[in-house]
Amino acid sequence: MSTYSEVLSQAQSLTLEEQQQVLEVLSALIRDLETTHTQDSSQRWPRKDLDRWRGFLPKRVDALEFQLQLREEWDE
């Protein structure tokens, strides 16, 4: 397997048109890898299950009111 410096040296010896072709192919490869990575992440953590992780307060409690009550208790 070639090292980075070997590949870079080889790329520098290519014509401008060949360098552009290599750049396009590498860009497409990276986009495909990013897409695959994003899809894998979303499959591991489905969005529909995230609601259960939203804080520890029941939905009927107003967060600001709860915070103010806590502060009043601290002041006592």
PDB file of N, CA and C in Angstrom:
ATOM      1  N   MET A   1       0.843  -1.176   0.000  1.00  0.00           N
ATOM      2  CA  MET A   1       0.000   0.000   0.000  1.00  0.00           C
ATOM      3  C   MET A   1       0.890   1.241   0.000  1.00  0.00           C
ATOM      4  N   SER A   2       0.484   2.224  -0.762  1.00  0.00           N
ATOM      5  CA  SER A   2       1.256   3.457  -0.879  1.00  0.00           C
ATOM      6  C   SER A   2       1.047   4.353   0.329  1.00  0.00           C
ATOM      7  N   THR A   3       2.078   5.118   0.645  1.00  0.00           N
ATOM      8  CA  THR A   3       1.967   6.080   1.724  1.00  0.00           C
ATOM      9  C   THR A   3       1.424   7.393   1.168  1.00  0.00           C
ATOM     10  N   TYR A   4       1.025   8.247   2.068  1.00  0.00           N
ATOM     11  CA  TYR A   4       0.488   9.545   1.679  1.00  0.00           C
ATOM     12  C   TYR A   4       1.481  10.320   0.823  1.00  0.00           C
ATOM     13  N   SER A   5       2.726  10.370   1.243  1.00  0.00           N
ATOM     14  CA  SER A   5       3.729  11.138   0.493  1.00  0.00           C
ATOM     15  C   SER A   5       3.966  10.557  -0.897  1.00  0.00           C
ATOM     16  N   GLU A   6       3.893   9.219  -1.014  1.00  0.00           N
ATOM     17  CA  GLU A   6       4.044   8.603  -2.334  1.00  0.00           C
ATOM     18  C   GLU A   6       2.881   8.968  -3.255  1.00  0.00           C
ATOM     19  N   VAL A   7       1.683   8.912  -2.716  1.00  0.00           N
ATOM     20  CA  VAL A   7       0.506   9.261  -3.514  1.00  0.00           C
ATOM     21  C   VAL A   7       0.548  10.726  -3.904  1.00  0.00           C
ATOM     22  N   LEU A   8       0.920  11.588  -2.983  1.00  0.00           N
ATOM     23  CA  LEU A   8       1.022  13.013  -3.279  1.00  0.00           C
ATOM     24  C   LEU A   8       2.061  13.270  -4.361  1.00  0.00           C
ATOM     25  N   SER A   9       3.182  12.618  -4.272  1.00  0.00           N
ATOM     26  CA  SER A   9       4.226  12.770  -5.284  1.00  0.00           C
ATOM     27  C   SER A   9       3.735  12.311  -6.651  1.00  0.00           C
ATOM     28  N   GLN A  10       3.025  11.204  -6.665  1.00  0.00           N
ATOM     29  CA  GLN A  10       2.480  10.714  -7.930  1.00  0.00           C
ATOM     30  C   GLN A  10       1.433  11.682  -8.487  1.00  0.00           C
ATOM     31  N   ALA A  11       0.598  12.223  -7.627  1.00  0.00           N
ATOM     32  CA  ALA A  11      -0.430  13.162  -8.073  1.00  0.00           C
ATOM     33  C   ALA A  11       0.196  14.433  -8.643  1.00  0.00           C
ATOM     34  N   GLN A  12       1.290  14.874  -8.057  1.00  0.00           N
ATOM     35  CA  GLN A  12       1.960  16.079  -8.549  1.00  0.00           C
ATOM     36  C   GLN A  12       2.576  15.864  -9.928  1.00  0.00           C
ATOM     37  N   SER A  13       2.869  14.622 -10.262  1.00  0.00           N
ATOM     38  CA  SER A  13       3.457  14.356 -11.578  1.00  0.00           C
ATOM     39  C   SER A  13       2.394  14.214 -12.671  1.00  0.00           C
ATOM     40  N   LEU A  14       1.116  14.217 -12.284  1.00  0.00           N
ATOM     41  CA  LEU A  14       0.036  14.111 -13.270  1.00  0.00           C
ATOM     42  C   LEU A  14      -0.200  15.450 -13.957  1.00  0.00           C
ATOM     43  N   THR A  15      -0.872  15.393 -15.099  1.00  0.00           N
ATOM     44  CA  THR A  15      -1.257  16.633 -15.777  1.00  0.00           C
ATOM     45  C   THR A  15      -2.388  17.286 -14.987  1.00  0.00           C
ATOM     46  N   LEU A  16      -2.668  18.532 -15.280  1.00  0.00           N
ATOM     47  CA  LEU A  16      -3.726  19.261 -14.589  1.00  0.00           C
ATOM     48  C   LEU A  16      -5.073  18.548 -14.763  1.00  0.00           C
ATOM     49  N   GLU A  17      -5.335  18.087 -15.961  1.00  0.00           N
ATOM     50  CA  GLU A  17      -6.595  17.382 -16.226  1.00  0.00           C
ATOM     51  C   GLU A  17      -6.681  16.091 -15.416  1.00  0.00           C
ATOM     52  N   GLU A  18      -5.601  15.353 -15.321  1.00  0.00           N
ATOM     53  CA  GLU A  18      -5.585  14.110 -14.540  1.00  0.00           C
ATOM     54  C   GLU A  18      -5.745  14.405 -13.046  1.00  0.00           C
ATOM     55  N   GLN A  19      -5.127  15.500 -12.567  1.00  0.00           N
ATOM     56  CA  GLN A  19      -5.281  15.884 -11.165  1.00  0.00           C
ATOM     57  C   GLN A  19      -6.742  16.229 -10.858  1.00  0.00           C
ATOM     58  N   GLN A  20      -7.403  16.915 -11.793  1.00  0.00           N
ATOM     59  CA  GLN A  20      -8.807  17.256 -11.600  1.00  0.00           C
ATOM     60  C   GLN A  20      -9.673  15.999 -11.558  1.00  0.00           C
ATOM     61  N   GLN A  21      -9.350  15.020 -12.391  1.00  0.00           N
ATOM     62  CA  GLN A  21     -10.090  13.754 -12.384  1.00  0.00           C
ATOM     63  C   GLN A  21      -9.910  13.032 -11.052  1.00  0.00           C
ATOM     64  N   VAL A  22      -8.690  13.011 -10.558  1.00  0.00           N
ATOM     65  CA  VAL A  22      -8.422  12.373  -9.259  1.00  0.00           C
ATOM     66  C   VAL A  22      -9.195  13.095  -8.160  1.00  0.00           C
ATOM     67  N   LEU A  23      -9.197  14.416  -8.205  1.00  0.00           N
ATOM     68  CA  LEU A  23      -9.919  15.203  -7.213  1.00  0.00           C
ATOM     69  C   LEU A  23     -11.415  14.894  -7.241  1.00  0.00           C
ATOM     70  N   GLU A  24     -11.993  14.794  -8.417  1.00  0.00           N
ATOM     71  CA  GLU A  24     -13.420  14.486  -8.544  1.00  0.00           C
ATOM     72  C   GLU A  24     -13.743  13.095  -8.001  1.00  0.00           C
ATOM     73  N   VAL A  25     -12.891  12.133  -8.312  1.00  0.00           N
ATOM     74  CA  VAL A  25     -13.125  10.764  -7.833  1.00  0.00           C
ATOM     75  C   VAL A  25     -12.992  10.701  -6.315  1.00  0.00           C
ATOM     76  N   LEU A  26     -11.974  11.353  -5.762  1.00  0.00           N
ATOM     77  CA  LEU A  26     -11.795  11.360  -4.307  1.00  0.00           C
ATOM     78  C   LEU A  26     -12.948  12.086  -3.613  1.00  0.00           C
ATOM     79  N   SER A  27     -13.409  13.176  -4.197  1.00  0.00           N
ATOM     80  CA  SER A  27     -14.541  13.915  -3.622  1.00  0.00           C
ATOM     81  C   SER A  27     -15.790  13.044  -3.592  1.00  0.00           C
ATOM     82  N   ALA A  28     -16.044  12.329  -4.683  1.00  0.00           N
ATOM     83  CA  ALA A  28     -17.204  11.432  -4.727  1.00  0.00           C
ATOM     84  C   ALA A  28     -17.069  10.322  -3.690  1.00  0.00           C
ATOM     85  N   LEU A  29     -15.874   9.797  -3.532  1.00  0.00           N
ATOM     86  CA  LEU A  29     -15.635   8.742  -2.547  1.00  0.00           C
ATOM     87  C   LEU A  29     -15.927   9.243  -1.134  1.00  0.00           C
ATOM     88  N   ILE A  30     -15.456  10.434  -0.827  1.00  0.00           N
ATOM     89  CA  ILE A  30     -15.673  11.004   0.510  1.00  0.00           C
ATOM     90  C   ILE A  30     -17.153  11.280   0.741  1.00  0.00           C
ATOM     91  N   ARG A  31     -17.855  11.816  -0.271  1.00  0.00           N
ATOM     92  CA  ARG A  31     -19.295  12.070  -0.133  1.00  0.00           C
ATOM     93  C   ARG A  31     -20.034  10.759   0.150  1.00  0.00           C
ATOM     94  N   ASP A  32     -19.681   9.703  -0.565  1.00  0.00           N
ATOM     95  CA  ASP A  32     -20.325   8.407  -0.342  1.00  0.00           C
ATOM     96  C   ASP A  32     -20.071   7.900   1.075  1.00  0.00           C
ATOM     97  N   LEU A  33     -18.840   8.056   1.554  1.00  0.00           N
ATOM     98  CA  LEU A  33     -18.518   7.621   2.915  1.00  0.00           C
ATOM     99  C   LEU A  33     -19.292   8.423   3.948  1.00  0.00           C
ATOM    100  N   GLU A  34     -19.406   9.738   3.743  1.00  0.00           N
ATOM    101  CA  GLU A  34     -20.156  10.583   4.673  1.00  0.00           C
ATOM    102  C   GLU A  34     -21.628  10.204   4.679  1.00  0.00           C
ATOM    103  N   THR A  35     -22.184   9.931   3.515  1.00  0.00           N
ATOM    104  CA  THR A  35     -23.588   9.531   3.420  1.00  0.00           C
ATOM    105  C   THR A  35     -23.810   8.220   4.153  1.00  0.00           C
ATOM    106  N   THR A  36     -22.923   7.274   3.945  1.00  0.00           N
ATOM    107  CA  THR A  36     -23.029   5.983   4.621  1.00  0.00           C
ATOM    108  C   THR A  36     -22.924   6.150   6.125  1.00  0.00           C
ATOM    109  N   HIS A  37     -21.987   6.975   6.564  1.00  0.00           N
ATOM    110  CA  HIS A  37     -21.802   7.218   7.997  1.00  0.00           C
ATOM    111  C   HIS A  37     -23.046   7.867   8.599  1.00  0.00           C
ATOM    112  N   THR A  38     -23.625   8.842   7.904  1.00  0.00           N
ATOM    113  CA  THR A  38     -24.821   9.526   8.391  1.00  0.00           C
ATOM    114  C   THR A  38     -25.991   8.557   8.474  1.00  0.00           C
ATOM    115  N   GLN A  39     -26.153   7.709   7.477  1.00  0.00           N
ATOM    116  CA  GLN A  39     -27.239   6.736   7.491  1.00  0.00           C
ATOM    117  C   GLN A  39     -27.049   5.740   8.622  1.00  0.00           C
ATOM    118  N   ASP A  40     -25.824   5.302   8.855  1.00  0.00           N
ATOM    119  CA  ASP A  40     -25.559   4.360   9.951  1.00  0.00           C
ATOM    120  C   ASP A  40     -25.902   4.986  11.289  1.00  0.00           C
ATOM    121  N   SER A  41     -25.548   6.257  11.470  1.00  0.00           N
ATOM    122  CA  SER A  41     -25.832   6.946  12.729  1.00  0.00           C
ATOM    123  C   SER A  41     -27.326   7.071  12.956  1.00  0.00           C
ATOM    124  N   SER A  42     -28.060   7.419  11.920  1.00  0.00           N
ATOM    125  CA  SER A  42     -29.495   7.597  12.085  1.00  0.00           C
ATOM    126  C   SER A  42     -30.197   6.269  12.312  1.00  0.00           C
ATOM    127  N   GLN A  43     -29.660   5.180  11.802  1.00  0.00           N
ATOM    128  CA  GLN A  43     -30.257   3.871  12.037  1.00  0.00           C
ATOM    129  C   GLN A  43     -29.995   3.401  13.453  1.00  0.00           C
ATOM    130  N   ARG A  44     -28.859   3.762  14.017  1.00  0.00           N
ATOM    131  CA  ARG A  44     -28.545   3.356  15.387  1.00  0.00           C
ATOM    132  C   ARG A  44     -29.369   4.122  16.402  1.00  0.00           C
ATOM    133  N   TRP A  45     -29.676   5.379  16.127  1.00  0.00           N
ATOM    134  CA  TRP A  45     -30.410   6.234  17.055  1.00  0.00           C
ATOM    135  C   TRP A  45     -31.656   6.775  16.371  1.00  0.00           C
ATOM    136  N   PRO A  46     -32.717   6.003  16.293  1.00  0.00           N
ATOM    137  CA  PRO A  46     -33.920   6.488  15.620  1.00  0.00           C
ATOM    138  C   PRO A  46     -34.498   7.698  16.330  1.00  0.00           C
ATOM    139  N   ARG A  47     -34.937   8.667  15.579  1.00  0.00           N
ATOM    140  CA  ARG A  47     -35.442   9.920  16.136  1.00  0.00           C
ATOM    141  C   ARG A  47     -36.705   9.733  16.960  1.00  0.00           C
ATOM    142  N   LYS A  48     -37.540   8.785  16.604  1.00  0.00           N
ATOM    143  CA  LYS A  48     -38.816   8.640  17.290  1.00  0.00           C
ATOM    144  C   LYS A  48     -38.669   8.274  18.762  1.00  0.00           C
ATOM    145  N   ASP A  49     -37.541   7.734  19.185  1.00  0.00           N
ATOM    146  CA  ASP A  49     -37.351   7.330  20.569  1.00  0.00           C
ATOM    147  C   ASP A  49     -36.685   8.396  21.439  1.00  0.00           C
ATOM    148  N   LEU A  50     -36.370   9.553  20.868  1.00  0.00           N
ATOM    149  CA  LEU A  50     -35.640  10.559  21.638  1.00  0.00           C
ATOM    150  C   LEU A  50     -36.520  11.306  22.636  1.00  0.00           C
ATOM    151  N   ASP A  51     -37.838  11.269  22.469  1.00  0.00           N
ATOM    152  CA  ASP A  51     -38.715  12.002  23.381  1.00  0.00           C
ATOM    153  C   ASP A  51     -38.571  11.531  24.825  1.00  0.00           C
ATOM    154  N   ARG A  52     -38.275  10.266  25.007  1.00  0.00           N
ATOM    155  CA  ARG A  52     -38.168   9.754  26.378  1.00  0.00           C
ATOM    156  C   ARG A  52     -36.952  10.298  27.120  1.00  0.00           C
ATOM    157  N   TRP A  53     -36.005  10.903  26.419  1.00  0.00           N
ATOM    158  CA  TRP A  53     -34.794  11.416  27.063  1.00  0.00           C
ATOM    159  C   TRP A  53     -34.884  12.901  27.363  1.00  0.00           C
ATOM    160  N   ARG A  54     -35.990  13.545  27.138  1.00  0.00           N
ATOM    161  CA  ARG A  54     -36.120  14.996  27.329  1.00  0.00           C
ATOM    162  C   ARG A  54     -36.358  15.339  28.797  1.00  0.00           C
ATOM    163  N   GLY A  55     -35.329  15.538  29.531  1.00  0.00           N
ATOM    164  CA  GLY A  55     -35.417  16.009  30.901  1.00  0.00           C
ATOM    165  C   GLY A  55     -36.062  15.013  31.844  1.00  0.00           C
ATOM    166  N   PHE A  56     -36.180  15.424  33.086  1.00  0.00           N
ATOM    167  CA  PHE A  56     -36.747  14.542  34.095  1.00  0.00           C
ATOM    168  C   PHE A  56     -38.105  15.031  34.570  1.00  0.00           C
ATOM    169  N   LEU A  57     -38.570  16.180  34.082  1.00  0.00           N
ATOM    170  CA  LEU A  57     -39.838  16.731  34.538  1.00  0.00           C
ATOM    171  C   LEU A  57     -41.002  16.181  33.710  1.00  0.00           C
ATOM    172  N   PRO A  58     -42.137  15.935  34.368  1.00  0.00           N
ATOM    173  CA  PRO A  58     -43.323  15.560  33.596  1.00  0.00           C
ATOM    174  C   PRO A  58     -43.742  16.737  32.707  1.00  0.00           C
ATOM    175  N   LYS A  59     -44.421  16.452  31.625  1.00  0.00           N
ATOM    176  CA  LYS A  59     -44.794  17.507  30.690  1.00  0.00           C
ATOM    177  C   LYS A  59     -45.739  18.531  31.310  1.00  0.00           C
ATOM    178  N   ARG A  60     -46.528  18.169  32.311  1.00  0.00           N
ATOM    179  CA  ARG A  60     -47.502  19.089  32.885  1.00  0.00           C
ATOM    180  C   ARG A  60     -46.865  20.166  33.774  1.00  0.00           C
ATOM    181  N   VAL A  61     -45.588  20.025  34.119  1.00  0.00           N
ATOM    182  CA  VAL A  61     -44.907  20.988  34.982  1.00  0.00           C
ATOM    183  C   VAL A  61     -44.217  22.041  34.111  1.00  0.00           C
ATOM    184  N   ASP A  62     -44.469  23.297  34.448  1.00  0.00           N
ATOM    185  CA  ASP A  62     -43.810  24.392  33.749  1.00  0.00           C
ATOM    186  C   ASP A  62     -42.382  24.511  34.281  1.00  0.00           C
ATOM    187  N   ALA A  63     -41.408  24.456  33.402  1.00  0.00           N
ATOM    188  CA  ALA A  63     -40.005  24.443  33.816  1.00  0.00           C
ATOM    189  C   ALA A  63     -39.616  25.718  34.553  1.00  0.00           C
ATOM    190  N   LEU A  64     -40.069  26.862  34.074  1.00  0.00           N
ATOM    191  CA  LEU A  64     -39.725  28.128  34.725  1.00  0.00           C
ATOM    192  C   LEU A  64     -40.345  28.205  36.121  1.00  0.00           C
ATOM    193  N   GLU A  65     -41.582  27.790  36.235  1.00  0.00           N
ATOM    194  CA  GLU A  65     -42.241  27.787  37.536  1.00  0.00           C
ATOM    195  C   GLU A  65     -41.516  26.860  38.506  1.00  0.00           C
ATOM    196  N   PHE A  66     -41.112  25.686  38.023  1.00  0.00           N
ATOM    197  CA  PHE A  66     -40.376  24.730  38.847  1.00  0.00           C
ATOM    198  C   PHE A  66     -39.062  25.338  39.322  1.00  0.00           C
ATOM    199  N   GLN A  67     -38.364  26.025  38.429  1.00  0.00           N
ATOM    200  CA  GLN A  67     -37.095  26.649  38.773  1.00  0.00           C
ATOM    201  C   GLN A  67     -37.292  27.738  39.827  1.00  0.00           C
ATOM    202  N   LEU A  68     -38.312  28.546  39.663  1.00  0.00           N
ATOM    203  CA  LEU A  68     -38.580  29.603  40.640  1.00  0.00           C
ATOM    204  C   LEU A  68     -38.910  29.019  42.008  1.00  0.00           C
ATOM    205  N   GLN A  69     -39.659  27.925  42.031  1.00  0.00           N
ATOM    206  CA  GLN A  69     -39.970  27.270  43.302  1.00  0.00           C
ATOM    207  C   GLN A  69     -38.706  26.757  43.984  1.00  0.00           C
ATOM    208  N   LEU A  70     -37.810  26.183  43.195  1.00  0.00           N
ATOM    209  CA  LEU A  70     -36.549  25.706  43.774  1.00  0.00           C
ATOM    210  C   LEU A  70     -35.751  26.854  44.373  1.00  0.00           C
ATOM    211  N   ARG A  71     -35.701  27.964  43.682  1.00  0.00           N
ATOM    212  CA  ARG A  71     -34.943  29.118  44.183  1.00  0.00           C
ATOM    213  C   ARG A  71     -35.554  29.656  45.478  1.00  0.00           C
ATOM    214  N   GLU A  72     -36.881  29.645  45.555  1.00  0.00           N
ATOM    215  CA  GLU A  72     -37.537  30.101  46.785  1.00  0.00           C
ATOM    216  C   GLU A  72     -37.176  29.179  47.948  1.00  0.00           C
ATOM    217  N   GLU A  73     -37.106  27.885  47.683  1.00  0.00           N
ATOM    218  CA  GLU A  73     -36.740  26.936  48.733  1.00  0.00           C
ATOM    219  C   GLU A  73     -35.308  27.160  49.202  1.00  0.00           C
ATOM    220  N   TRP A  74     -34.409  27.495  48.279  1.00  0.00           N
ATOM    221  CA  TRP A  74     -33.018  27.737  48.642  1.00  0.00           C
ATOM    222  C   TRP A  74     -32.896  28.984  49.533  1.00  0.00           C
ATOM    223  N   ASP A  75     -33.737  29.977  49.271  1.00  0.00           N
ATOM    224  CA  ASP A  75     -33.676  31.232  50.012  1.00  0.00           C
ATOM    225  C   ASP A  75     -34.219  31.086  51.439  1.00  0.00           C
ATOM    226  N   GLU A  76     -35.028  30.058  51.684  1.00  0.00           N
ATOM    227  CA  GLU A  76     -35.619  29.886  53.018  1.00  0.00           C
ATOM    228  C   GLU A  76     -34.613  29.411  54.020  1.00  0.00           C
TER     229      GLU A  76
END
